[in-house]
N, C-alpha and C. Protein backbone atom coordinates (compact mmCIF):
# COMPACT_ATOMS: atom_id res chain seq x y z
N MET A 1 -13.69 -32.53 2.02
CA MET A 1 -12.67 -31.77 1.72
C MET A 1 -13.11 -30.44 0.74
N ILE A 2 -14.62 -30.24 0.89
CA ILE A 2 -14.31 -28.66 0.20
C ILE A 2 -16.28 -28.52 0.86
N ALA A 3 -16.01 -27.28 1.65
CA ALA A 3 -17.43 -26.92 2.68
C ALA A 3 -17.91 -25.43 2.18
N PHE A 4 -18.88 -25.66 2.62
CA PHE A 4 -19.21 -23.98 2.46
C PHE A 4 -19.35 -22.94 3.79
N HIS A 5 -18.59 -23.70 4.64
CA HIS A 5 -18.13 -22.95 6.03
C HIS A 5 -17.34 -23.71 7.01
N LEU A 6 -16.56 -23.33 8.16
CA LEU A 6 -15.89 -23.74 8.45
C LEU A 6 -16.07 -25.07 9.64
N PRO A 7 -15.50 -26.43 9.82
CA PRO A 7 -15.85 -27.26 9.99
C PRO A 7 -16.79 -26.82 11.93
N GLN A 8 -17.57 -27.87 12.25
CA GLN A 8 -17.87 -27.79 13.90
C GLN A 8 -16.69 -28.51 14.79
N SER A 9 -16.49 -28.46 15.73
CA SER A 9 -15.56 -28.83 16.60
C SER A 9 -15.97 -30.33 16.76
N LYS A 10 -16.88 -31.10 16.48
CA LYS A 10 -16.81 -32.51 16.49
C LYS A 10 -16.61 -32.88 14.80
N THR A 11 -16.64 -32.41 14.26
CA THR A 11 -16.33 -32.77 13.02
C THR A 11 -14.95 -32.37 12.21
N LEU A 12 -14.04 -31.11 12.89
CA LEU A 12 -12.71 -31.55 12.67
C LEU A 12 -11.99 -32.57 13.67
N ALA A 13 -12.94 -32.76 14.73
CA ALA A 13 -12.35 -33.49 16.06
C ALA A 13 -11.60 -34.94 14.98
N ALA A 14 -13.26 -35.28 14.50
CA ALA A 14 -13.14 -37.11 14.08
C ALA A 14 -12.54 -36.46 12.85
N PHE A 15 -11.92 -35.71 12.10
CA PHE A 15 -11.15 -35.81 10.92
C PHE A 15 -10.07 -36.21 11.42
N LEU A 16 -9.15 -35.42 12.08
CA LEU A 16 -7.96 -35.43 12.66
C LEU A 16 -7.60 -36.55 13.26
N ALA A 17 -8.82 -37.07 13.73
CA ALA A 17 -8.05 -38.33 14.82
C ALA A 17 -7.78 -39.19 13.73
N GLN A 18 -8.71 -39.36 12.65
CA GLN A 18 -8.21 -40.19 11.15
C GLN A 18 -7.10 -39.71 10.72
N GLU A 19 -6.64 -38.75 10.25
CA GLU A 19 -5.51 -38.07 9.66
C GLU A 19 -4.41 -38.42 10.76
N LYS A 20 -4.57 -38.63 11.86
CA LYS A 20 -3.24 -39.26 12.63
C LYS A 20 -2.78 -40.10 12.68
N GLN A 21 -3.69 -41.16 12.38
CA GLN A 21 -3.23 -42.61 11.90
C GLN A 21 -2.51 -42.95 10.78
N LEU A 22 -3.21 -41.94 9.49
CA LEU A 22 -2.70 -41.97 8.54
C LEU A 22 -0.82 -41.90 8.20
N ALA A 23 -0.37 -42.57 7.27
CA ALA A 23 1.26 -42.14 6.90
C ALA A 23 1.01 -40.91 6.02
N LEU A 24 2.38 -39.96 5.77
CA LEU A 24 2.41 -38.96 4.89
C LEU A 24 2.44 -39.76 3.26
N THR A 25 2.15 -38.64 2.64
CA THR A 25 1.61 -39.28 1.48
C THR A 25 2.62 -39.19 -0.06
N TYR A 26 3.97 -39.05 0.85
CA TYR A 26 5.47 -38.69 -0.28
C TYR A 26 6.85 -39.51 0.78
N GLN A 27 7.50 -39.91 0.50
CA GLN A 27 8.34 -40.91 0.48
C GLN A 27 9.97 -39.78 1.41
N GLN A 28 10.10 -38.42 0.41
CA GLN A 28 11.18 -37.93 0.71
C GLN A 28 11.05 -37.13 2.27
N HIS A 29 11.01 -37.87 3.12
CA HIS A 29 10.71 -36.69 4.34
C HIS A 29 11.77 -36.22 4.93
N GLY A 30 11.99 -34.26 4.95
CA GLY A 30 12.90 -34.19 5.62
C GLY A 30 13.93 -33.65 4.57
N ALA A 31 13.09 -33.41 3.31
CA ALA A 31 14.35 -33.08 2.26
C ALA A 31 14.30 -31.56 2.25
N SER A 32 13.07 -30.88 2.57
CA SER A 32 13.36 -29.58 2.69
C SER A 32 14.09 -29.03 3.48
N ALA A 33 14.98 -29.74 4.35
CA ALA A 33 15.14 -29.24 5.29
C ALA A 33 17.17 -28.95 4.26
N THR A 34 17.32 -29.52 3.09
CA THR A 34 18.43 -28.87 2.77
C THR A 34 17.69 -28.28 1.20
N THR A 35 18.88 -27.38 0.27
CA THR A 35 18.45 -26.80 -0.67
C THR A 35 18.65 -27.64 -2.29
N GLU A 36 18.63 -29.07 -2.15
CA GLU A 36 18.57 -29.57 -3.31
C GLU A 36 17.15 -29.86 -3.90
N LYS A 37 16.92 -29.72 -4.84
CA LYS A 37 15.35 -29.47 -5.38
C LYS A 37 15.09 -31.46 -5.45
N VAL A 38 13.92 -31.48 -5.34
CA VAL A 38 13.38 -33.05 -4.47
C VAL A 38 12.97 -33.29 -6.48
N SER A 39 13.39 -34.22 -7.59
CA SER A 39 12.86 -34.80 -8.96
C SER A 39 11.16 -35.26 -8.44
N GLY A 40 10.75 -34.75 -9.49
CA GLY A 40 9.45 -35.29 -9.21
C GLY A 40 8.69 -33.87 -9.30
N PHE A 41 8.94 -33.10 -8.18
CA PHE A 41 8.20 -32.05 -7.28
C PHE A 41 8.35 -30.98 -7.93
N ASP A 42 7.42 -29.72 -8.06
CA ASP A 42 7.72 -28.24 -8.43
C ASP A 42 8.19 -27.60 -7.33
N ASN A 43 9.36 -27.43 -7.24
CA ASN A 43 10.47 -26.58 -5.79
C ASN A 43 10.26 -25.74 -5.50
N ASP A 44 9.33 -25.37 -5.11
CA ASP A 44 9.54 -23.18 -4.28
C ASP A 44 10.86 -22.94 -3.27
N PHE A 45 10.68 -22.11 -3.24
CA PHE A 45 11.44 -20.95 -2.61
C PHE A 45 11.62 -19.73 -2.31
N GLN A 46 11.15 -18.77 -1.01
CA GLN A 46 11.02 -17.65 -1.27
C GLN A 46 11.91 -16.93 0.49
N ARG A 47 13.00 -16.04 -0.03
CA ARG A 47 13.79 -15.32 1.53
C ARG A 47 13.32 -14.33 1.32
N VAL A 48 12.75 -13.63 2.17
CA VAL A 48 13.00 -12.22 2.42
C VAL A 48 13.16 -11.43 3.99
N THR A 49 13.35 -10.42 4.01
CA THR A 49 14.44 -10.09 5.49
C THR A 49 12.71 -9.25 5.74
N ILE A 50 12.50 -9.20 7.12
CA ILE A 50 11.02 -9.05 7.47
C ILE A 50 11.80 -7.99 8.90
N GLY A 51 12.62 -8.07 9.23
CA GLY A 51 13.17 -7.06 10.13
C GLY A 51 14.76 -6.56 10.65
N GLN A 52 14.87 -6.45 11.70
CA GLN A 52 16.15 -5.68 12.59
C GLN A 52 16.53 -6.42 13.67
N GLY A 53 17.90 -6.71 14.05
CA GLY A 53 17.76 -7.29 15.78
C GLY A 53 17.18 -8.27 16.02
N ALA A 54 17.42 -8.28 17.73
CA ALA A 54 17.20 -9.51 18.30
C ALA A 54 15.38 -9.51 18.71
N ALA A 55 14.85 -8.14 18.50
CA ALA A 55 13.28 -8.27 19.42
C ALA A 55 13.10 -8.82 17.68
N ALA A 56 13.19 -7.98 16.66
CA ALA A 56 12.54 -8.54 15.77
C ALA A 56 12.63 -10.30 14.98
N PHE A 57 13.93 -10.76 15.56
CA PHE A 57 13.50 -12.00 15.81
C PHE A 57 12.54 -13.11 16.55
N GLU A 58 12.77 -11.92 17.90
CA GLU A 58 11.98 -12.88 18.83
C GLU A 58 10.83 -12.95 18.26
N GLN A 59 10.29 -11.66 18.23
CA GLN A 59 8.87 -11.38 17.33
C GLN A 59 8.66 -12.29 16.14
N ALA A 60 9.43 -12.67 15.68
CA ALA A 60 9.01 -13.31 14.65
C ALA A 60 8.81 -15.43 15.22
N CYS A 61 9.74 -15.37 15.62
CA CYS A 61 9.45 -16.91 16.42
C CYS A 61 8.34 -17.09 17.34
N GLU A 62 7.75 -15.69 17.56
CA GLU A 62 6.59 -15.78 18.06
C GLU A 62 5.60 -16.13 17.07
N ALA A 63 5.23 -15.17 16.53
CA ALA A 63 4.62 -15.47 15.24
C ALA A 63 4.09 -16.88 14.09
N ILE A 64 5.83 -17.04 14.26
CA ILE A 64 5.15 -19.06 14.14
C ILE A 64 5.08 -19.72 15.31
N ARG A 65 5.36 -19.99 16.20
CA ARG A 65 4.55 -20.23 17.53
C ARG A 65 2.75 -20.22 17.34
N ARG A 66 3.03 -18.88 16.78
CA ARG A 66 1.48 -18.74 16.68
C ARG A 66 1.21 -19.16 14.66
N TRP A 67 1.69 -19.32 14.54
CA TRP A 67 0.94 -20.09 12.73
C TRP A 67 0.80 -18.41 12.24
N ARG A 68 1.45 -17.56 12.50
CA ARG A 68 0.78 -16.05 12.14
C ARG A 68 1.45 -16.20 10.61
N MET A 69 1.91 -16.88 10.30
CA MET A 69 2.66 -17.23 8.53
C MET A 69 0.95 -16.97 8.25
N PHE A 70 0.38 -18.16 8.25
CA PHE A 70 -0.92 -18.39 7.88
C PHE A 70 -2.17 -16.98 7.31
N PRO A 71 -1.53 -16.23 6.30
CA PRO A 71 -2.46 -15.11 5.95
C PRO A 71 -4.33 -15.09 6.14
N SER A 72 -4.58 -14.85 6.95
CA SER A 72 -6.34 -14.75 6.76
C SER A 72 -6.53 -12.99 6.11
N PRO A 73 -7.95 -13.10 5.58
CA PRO A 73 -8.65 -14.32 5.94
C PRO A 73 -8.71 -16.05 5.35
N TRP A 74 -7.88 -15.65 4.26
CA TRP A 74 -8.54 -16.88 3.00
C TRP A 74 -7.46 -18.01 3.40
N THR A 75 -7.00 -17.98 4.81
CA THR A 75 -5.95 -19.45 5.38
C THR A 75 -6.53 -19.16 6.65
N VAL A 76 -7.05 -20.46 7.24
CA VAL A 76 -7.38 -21.03 8.36
C VAL A 76 -6.76 -22.21 9.08
N ILE A 77 -5.97 -22.20 10.51
CA ILE A 77 -5.26 -23.00 10.62
C ILE A 77 -6.32 -23.60 11.78
N LEU A 78 -6.72 -25.44 11.65
CA LEU A 78 -7.45 -25.63 12.90
C LEU A 78 -6.92 -26.67 13.58
N PRO A 79 -6.65 -27.22 14.89
CA PRO A 79 -7.37 -26.29 15.77
C PRO A 79 -6.47 -25.14 15.90
N PRO A 80 -6.66 -23.84 16.49
CA PRO A 80 -6.03 -22.86 16.24
C PRO A 80 -5.15 -22.75 17.38
N ALA A 81 -3.85 -21.72 16.39
CA ALA A 81 -2.40 -22.32 17.39
C ALA A 81 -1.73 -23.54 18.42
N PRO A 82 -2.03 -24.30 17.15
CA PRO A 82 -1.33 -26.09 17.90
C PRO A 82 -0.05 -26.15 18.02
N PRO A 83 0.65 -26.89 18.78
CA PRO A 83 1.90 -26.57 19.06
C PRO A 83 2.63 -26.86 18.28
N ILE A 84 3.96 -26.36 18.33
CA ILE A 84 5.12 -26.36 17.50
C ILE A 84 6.00 -27.93 17.90
N GLN A 85 5.64 -28.71 17.26
CA GLN A 85 6.42 -29.70 17.67
C GLN A 85 6.13 -31.35 16.69
N ALA A 86 6.95 -32.26 16.83
CA ALA A 86 7.24 -33.15 15.54
C ALA A 86 5.70 -34.06 15.95
N GLY A 87 5.26 -34.34 14.98
CA GLY A 87 3.85 -35.49 15.44
C GLY A 87 2.76 -34.16 15.59
N THR A 88 2.55 -33.12 15.23
CA THR A 88 1.16 -32.31 15.66
C THR A 88 1.03 -32.65 13.85
N THR A 89 -0.44 -32.95 13.94
CA THR A 89 -1.12 -32.92 12.57
C THR A 89 -2.10 -31.77 12.81
N VAL A 90 -2.88 -31.54 11.83
CA VAL A 90 -3.62 -29.93 11.21
C VAL A 90 -4.03 -30.04 10.60
N ALA A 91 -5.04 -29.33 10.33
CA ALA A 91 -6.14 -29.10 9.30
C ALA A 91 -6.31 -27.65 9.12
N ILE A 92 -5.84 -27.39 7.57
CA ILE A 92 -5.52 -26.48 6.85
C ILE A 92 -6.79 -25.49 6.26
N TYR A 93 -7.36 -24.94 6.37
CA TYR A 93 -8.24 -24.55 5.47
C TYR A 93 -8.08 -23.40 4.35
N VAL A 94 -8.61 -23.40 3.26
CA VAL A 94 -8.06 -22.53 2.16
C VAL A 94 -9.46 -22.24 1.57
N LYS A 95 -9.30 -20.50 1.76
CA LYS A 95 -11.04 -20.35 1.01
C LYS A 95 -10.28 -19.62 -0.32
N ALA A 96 -11.50 -20.45 -1.71
CA ALA A 96 -10.87 -19.82 -3.01
C ALA A 96 -12.63 -20.49 -3.46
N PHE A 97 -13.06 -19.54 -4.55
CA PHE A 97 -14.42 -19.23 -5.09
C PHE A 97 -15.47 -19.28 -4.32
N GLY A 98 -15.06 -18.83 -2.95
CA GLY A 98 -16.18 -19.12 -2.20
C GLY A 98 -16.62 -20.36 -1.28
N LEU A 99 -15.46 -21.39 -2.01
CA LEU A 99 -15.74 -22.29 -0.74
C LEU A 99 -14.52 -23.04 0.14
N TRP A 100 -14.84 -23.93 0.96
CA TRP A 100 -13.48 -24.18 2.09
C TRP A 100 -13.12 -24.82 1.54
N TRP A 101 -11.48 -25.42 1.17
CA TRP A 101 -10.91 -26.56 0.75
C TRP A 101 -10.07 -27.12 1.90
N ARG A 102 -10.67 -28.12 2.12
CA ARG A 102 -9.97 -28.58 3.39
C ARG A 102 -8.46 -29.51 3.47
N ASN A 103 -7.39 -29.41 4.18
CA ASN A 103 -6.05 -29.76 3.22
C ASN A 103 -5.73 -30.68 5.10
N SER A 104 -4.78 -31.47 5.38
CA SER A 104 -4.02 -32.22 6.35
C SER A 104 -2.95 -32.30 6.27
N CYS A 105 -2.05 -32.01 7.11
CA CYS A 105 -0.52 -31.82 7.54
C CYS A 105 -0.23 -32.22 8.97
N ARG A 106 1.27 -32.95 8.79
CA ARG A 106 1.96 -33.36 10.58
C ARG A 106 3.47 -32.53 9.93
N ILE A 107 3.66 -31.67 11.70
CA ILE A 107 4.67 -31.49 11.62
C ILE A 107 5.85 -32.93 11.57
N ILE A 108 6.98 -32.98 10.97
CA ILE A 108 7.96 -33.28 10.78
C ILE A 108 9.24 -33.33 11.62
N TYR A 109 9.45 -31.90 11.32
CA TYR A 109 10.99 -31.82 12.36
C TYR A 109 10.31 -30.12 12.43
N VAL A 110 11.29 -29.71 12.98
CA VAL A 110 11.11 -28.60 13.92
C VAL A 110 12.72 -28.08 14.04
N VAL A 111 12.92 -26.89 14.14
CA VAL A 111 14.19 -26.08 13.80
C VAL A 111 14.42 -24.98 14.94
N ASP A 112 15.04 -25.35 16.52
CA ASP A 112 14.63 -24.69 17.18
C ASP A 112 16.33 -24.69 17.78
N GLU A 113 17.16 -23.02 17.18
CA GLU A 113 18.67 -23.20 17.44
C GLU A 113 18.87 -22.14 17.52
N PRO A 114 19.98 -21.21 18.49
CA PRO A 114 20.00 -20.11 18.43
C PRO A 114 20.33 -18.94 16.76
N GLY A 115 19.18 -18.04 16.47
CA GLY A 115 19.19 -17.59 15.09
C GLY A 115 18.30 -18.22 14.22
N ARG A 116 18.30 -19.24 14.88
CA ARG A 116 17.09 -19.84 13.59
C ARG A 116 15.56 -20.55 14.59
N PHE A 117 14.60 -20.25 13.57
CA PHE A 117 13.56 -21.29 14.00
C PHE A 117 12.27 -21.02 13.47
N GLY A 118 12.02 -22.49 13.02
CA GLY A 118 10.68 -22.87 12.27
C GLY A 118 10.66 -24.52 12.33
N PHE A 119 9.59 -24.79 11.03
CA PHE A 119 9.66 -26.47 11.35
C PHE A 119 9.03 -26.38 9.52
N ALA A 120 8.74 -27.55 9.65
CA ALA A 120 8.49 -28.30 8.23
C ALA A 120 6.92 -29.32 8.34
N TYR A 121 6.44 -29.12 7.59
CA TYR A 121 5.27 -30.14 7.43
C TYR A 121 5.13 -31.04 6.22
N GLY A 122 4.39 -32.27 6.14
CA GLY A 122 4.42 -32.73 5.02
C GLY A 122 2.97 -33.34 5.20
N THR A 123 2.22 -33.57 3.84
CA THR A 123 0.73 -33.53 3.96
C THR A 123 0.32 -35.47 3.97
N LEU A 124 -0.97 -35.34 4.43
CA LEU A 124 -1.33 -36.70 4.71
C LEU A 124 -2.40 -37.02 3.93
N PRO A 125 -2.98 -38.10 3.84
CA PRO A 125 -4.48 -38.36 2.72
C PRO A 125 -5.15 -37.14 2.53
N GLY A 126 -5.39 -36.62 3.53
CA GLY A 126 -6.84 -35.22 3.26
C GLY A 126 -6.11 -34.19 2.86
N HIS A 127 -5.18 -34.26 2.48
CA HIS A 127 -4.53 -32.96 1.24
C HIS A 127 -4.62 -33.40 -0.10
N ILE A 128 -4.69 -32.01 -0.81
CA ILE A 128 -5.42 -31.80 -1.93
C ILE A 128 -4.08 -32.40 -2.66
N GLU A 129 -2.75 -31.64 -2.28
CA GLU A 129 -1.35 -31.88 -3.00
C GLU A 129 -0.62 -32.69 -1.98
N CYS A 130 0.52 -33.64 -2.41
CA CYS A 130 1.80 -34.27 -1.84
C CYS A 130 2.96 -33.59 -1.76
N GLY A 131 3.18 -33.48 -0.92
CA GLY A 131 4.87 -32.80 -1.01
C GLY A 131 5.47 -32.46 0.73
N GLU A 132 6.05 -31.53 0.65
CA GLU A 132 6.23 -30.96 2.34
C GLU A 132 6.62 -29.38 1.87
N GLU A 133 6.73 -28.56 3.68
CA GLU A 133 6.62 -27.30 3.09
C GLU A 133 7.38 -26.67 4.63
N LEU A 134 8.37 -25.96 4.72
CA LEU A 134 9.07 -25.34 5.76
C LEU A 134 8.93 -24.69 5.29
N PHE A 135 8.77 -23.59 7.33
CA PHE A 135 8.43 -22.35 7.28
C PHE A 135 9.94 -21.80 8.63
N LEU A 136 10.94 -21.13 8.02
CA LEU A 136 11.89 -20.97 8.91
C LEU A 136 12.28 -19.16 8.97
N VAL A 137 11.94 -18.62 9.86
CA VAL A 137 13.17 -17.65 10.68
C VAL A 137 14.38 -17.38 11.06
N GLU A 138 15.18 -16.91 10.73
CA GLU A 138 16.37 -16.79 11.00
C GLU A 138 17.01 -14.66 10.93
N ARG A 139 18.15 -15.22 11.92
CA ARG A 139 18.89 -14.09 12.39
C ARG A 139 20.40 -14.25 11.87
N ASP A 140 20.59 -13.10 10.70
CA ASP A 140 22.09 -13.26 10.25
C ASP A 140 23.08 -12.93 11.06
N GLU A 141 24.63 -12.74 10.58
CA GLU A 141 25.37 -12.13 11.32
C GLU A 141 25.40 -10.60 11.29
N ASN A 142 24.52 -9.93 10.61
CA ASN A 142 24.48 -8.29 10.62
C ASN A 142 23.07 -8.16 11.38
N GLY A 143 22.62 -8.94 11.78
CA GLY A 143 20.72 -8.82 12.17
C GLY A 143 19.95 -8.66 11.89
N GLN A 144 20.26 -8.79 10.91
CA GLN A 144 18.86 -9.49 9.58
C GLN A 144 18.20 -10.43 9.89
N VAL A 145 16.83 -10.36 9.91
CA VAL A 145 15.82 -11.24 10.30
C VAL A 145 15.47 -12.09 9.15
N TRP A 146 15.51 -12.71 8.16
CA TRP A 146 14.70 -13.05 7.24
C TRP A 146 13.50 -14.70 7.16
N TYR A 147 12.61 -14.49 6.48
CA TYR A 147 11.49 -14.85 6.55
C TYR A 147 11.77 -16.27 5.30
N THR A 148 11.51 -17.18 5.34
CA THR A 148 12.23 -18.55 4.45
C THR A 148 10.65 -19.78 4.38
N ILE A 149 10.69 -19.93 3.08
CA ILE A 149 9.50 -20.69 2.54
C ILE A 149 10.02 -21.77 1.55
N ARG A 150 10.58 -23.07 2.04
CA ARG A 150 11.13 -23.75 1.21
C ARG A 150 10.35 -24.95 1.13
N ALA A 151 9.44 -25.36 -0.27
CA ALA A 151 8.65 -26.37 -0.57
C ALA A 151 8.47 -27.31 -1.56
N PHE A 152 8.24 -28.42 -1.01
CA PHE A 152 8.63 -29.28 -2.66
C PHE A 152 6.84 -29.90 -2.72
N SER A 153 6.28 -30.14 -4.08
CA SER A 153 4.94 -30.27 -4.22
C SER A 153 4.89 -30.71 -5.31
N LYS A 154 3.32 -31.57 -5.19
CA LYS A 154 3.13 -31.87 -6.73
C LYS A 154 1.61 -32.67 -6.70
N PRO A 155 0.48 -31.97 -6.97
CA PRO A 155 -0.83 -32.82 -7.60
C PRO A 155 -1.03 -34.11 -6.86
N ARG A 156 -1.94 -34.25 -6.18
CA ARG A 156 -2.18 -35.47 -5.52
C ARG A 156 -3.68 -35.88 -6.02
N HIS A 157 -4.77 -34.94 -5.63
CA HIS A 157 -6.02 -35.11 -5.88
C HIS A 157 -6.39 -34.38 -7.65
N TRP A 158 -7.48 -35.11 -7.64
CA TRP A 158 -7.80 -35.34 -9.66
C TRP A 158 -8.05 -33.97 -9.38
N LEU A 159 -8.38 -33.27 -8.70
CA LEU A 159 -9.47 -31.77 -8.89
C LEU A 159 -7.65 -30.99 -9.10
N ALA A 160 -6.83 -31.07 -7.95
CA ALA A 160 -5.40 -30.31 -8.53
C ALA A 160 -5.04 -30.67 -9.73
N LYS A 161 -5.25 -31.92 -10.15
CA LYS A 161 -3.94 -32.40 -11.30
C LYS A 161 -5.15 -31.66 -12.56
N ILE A 162 -6.53 -31.12 -12.35
CA ILE A 162 -7.43 -30.96 -13.42
C ILE A 162 -6.50 -29.23 -13.25
N ALA A 163 -6.80 -28.49 -12.04
CA ALA A 163 -6.57 -27.14 -11.81
C ALA A 163 -5.17 -27.11 -11.52
N TYR A 164 -4.25 -27.65 -12.25
CA TYR A 164 -3.07 -27.36 -11.44
C TYR A 164 -2.41 -25.92 -11.64
N PRO A 165 -2.63 -25.33 -13.02
CA PRO A 165 -2.18 -24.16 -13.47
C PRO A 165 -2.80 -22.49 -12.35
N LEU A 166 -3.84 -23.27 -12.13
CA LEU A 166 -4.35 -22.64 -10.98
C LEU A 166 -3.67 -22.77 -9.30
N MET A 167 -3.35 -23.59 -9.20
CA MET A 167 -2.90 -24.24 -7.80
C MET A 167 -1.60 -23.27 -7.75
N ARG A 168 -0.80 -23.78 -9.44
CA ARG A 168 0.66 -22.80 -8.66
C ARG A 168 0.20 -21.60 -8.59
N LEU A 169 -0.71 -20.72 -9.17
CA LEU A 169 -1.06 -19.49 -9.11
C LEU A 169 -1.49 -19.31 -7.28
N PHE A 170 -2.20 -20.56 -6.77
CA PHE A 170 -2.43 -19.98 -5.41
C PHE A 170 -1.60 -20.15 -4.07
N GLN A 171 -0.46 -20.98 -4.70
CA GLN A 171 0.18 -21.49 -3.90
C GLN A 171 1.60 -20.23 -3.79
N ALA A 172 1.71 -19.25 -5.39
CA ALA A 172 2.90 -18.44 -5.29
C ALA A 172 1.81 -17.25 -4.43
N GLN A 173 0.71 -17.04 -4.41
CA GLN A 173 0.17 -16.13 -4.03
C GLN A 173 0.09 -16.22 -2.40
N PHE A 174 -0.08 -17.09 -1.89
CA PHE A 174 0.33 -17.89 -0.26
C PHE A 174 1.49 -17.73 -0.18
N ARG A 175 2.73 -17.84 -0.94
CA ARG A 175 4.11 -16.92 -0.25
C ARG A 175 3.89 -15.66 -0.47
N ARG A 176 3.41 -14.96 -1.18
CA ARG A 176 3.88 -13.77 -0.81
C ARG A 176 2.85 -13.04 -0.16
N ASP A 177 2.13 -13.31 0.44
CA ASP A 177 0.69 -13.02 1.29
C ASP A 177 1.34 -13.40 3.25
N SER A 178 2.40 -14.59 3.06
CA SER A 178 2.34 -14.81 4.24
C SER A 178 3.74 -14.51 4.56
N ALA A 179 4.61 -13.86 3.74
CA ALA A 179 5.77 -13.34 3.53
C ALA A 179 5.32 -11.59 4.72
N LYS A 180 4.42 -10.94 3.50
CA LYS A 180 3.75 -9.84 4.25
C LYS A 180 2.68 -9.71 6.13
N ALA A 181 2.24 -11.11 5.50
CA ALA A 181 1.43 -11.48 7.76
C ALA A 181 3.24 -11.84 8.08
N MET A 182 3.86 -12.22 7.57
CA MET A 182 5.29 -12.41 8.50
C MET A 182 6.11 -11.01 9.00
N LYS A 183 5.90 -9.87 8.07
CA LYS A 183 6.28 -8.57 7.81
C LYS A 183 5.78 -8.10 9.13
N ASN A 184 3.62 -8.36 9.48
CA ASN A 184 3.38 -7.52 9.41
C ASN A 184 3.08 -7.43 11.08
N ALA A 185 3.23 -8.31 11.64
CA ALA A 185 3.61 -9.43 12.46
C ALA A 185 4.51 -8.89 13.34
N VAL A 186 5.89 -9.02 12.64
CA VAL A 186 7.25 -8.69 13.50
C VAL A 186 7.16 -6.85 13.34
N ASN A 187 6.81 -6.08 12.53
CA ASN A 187 6.35 -4.97 13.00
C ASN A 187 5.11 -4.13 13.92
N ASN A 188 3.85 -5.01 14.00
CA ASN A 188 3.48 -4.70 15.08
C ASN A 188 3.47 -5.97 15.99
N THR A 189 3.97 -5.04 17.24
CA THR A 189 4.31 -6.63 18.19
C THR A 189 2.88 -6.62 19.34
N THR A 190 1.56 -5.56 18.67
CA THR A 190 0.76 -5.88 19.49
C THR A 190 0.03 -7.19 19.15
N SER A 191 0.03 -6.94 17.75
CA SER A 191 -0.91 -8.21 16.96
C SER A 191 -0.50 -9.62 17.42
N LEU A 192 0.86 -9.74 18.42
CA LEU A 192 1.06 -10.78 19.18
C LEU A 192 1.14 -11.70 20.92
N ARG A 193 0.27 -9.94 20.87
CA ARG A 193 -0.14 -10.15 22.41
C ARG A 193 -1.77 -10.96 22.68
């Protein structure tokens, strides 16, 4: 779960193969699709404008497809740019205090509608937290492009329970940095090529 370096491909493959066989660590599958709060969890919501017009929306969709909402250099998705489809299992590495913290999630649903694109993933046993997170881009009737993160979570591992206030700070930092990454992806089309 904690390492000084990102994993070798063999180690990553073994971890993902194991996690693919396991069940999600919570019962409220799909609850991030609604605006209702999930009891017993911290509920987080952030919605920010990231652009204007059809081109900005397409760039935002492409950024989601390439997992650009994960701010580098302190977060890494492995394998790189996995497919956005239900059932895809990923490892999320978060760098804190000079160490890489490994977590695992599985995409549980995809939103692919005119003017809306994104997905939600849920935590697996290899994750320090327990819960679900939605990443969504939308184009409203005025052409504004919005980026939304909706999540519910609670500590699962003893380290997360001990460091709960710090974990909440990291989650807030992630939301801010994720919004910034999406704004940059939309405003810098060369970063998506």
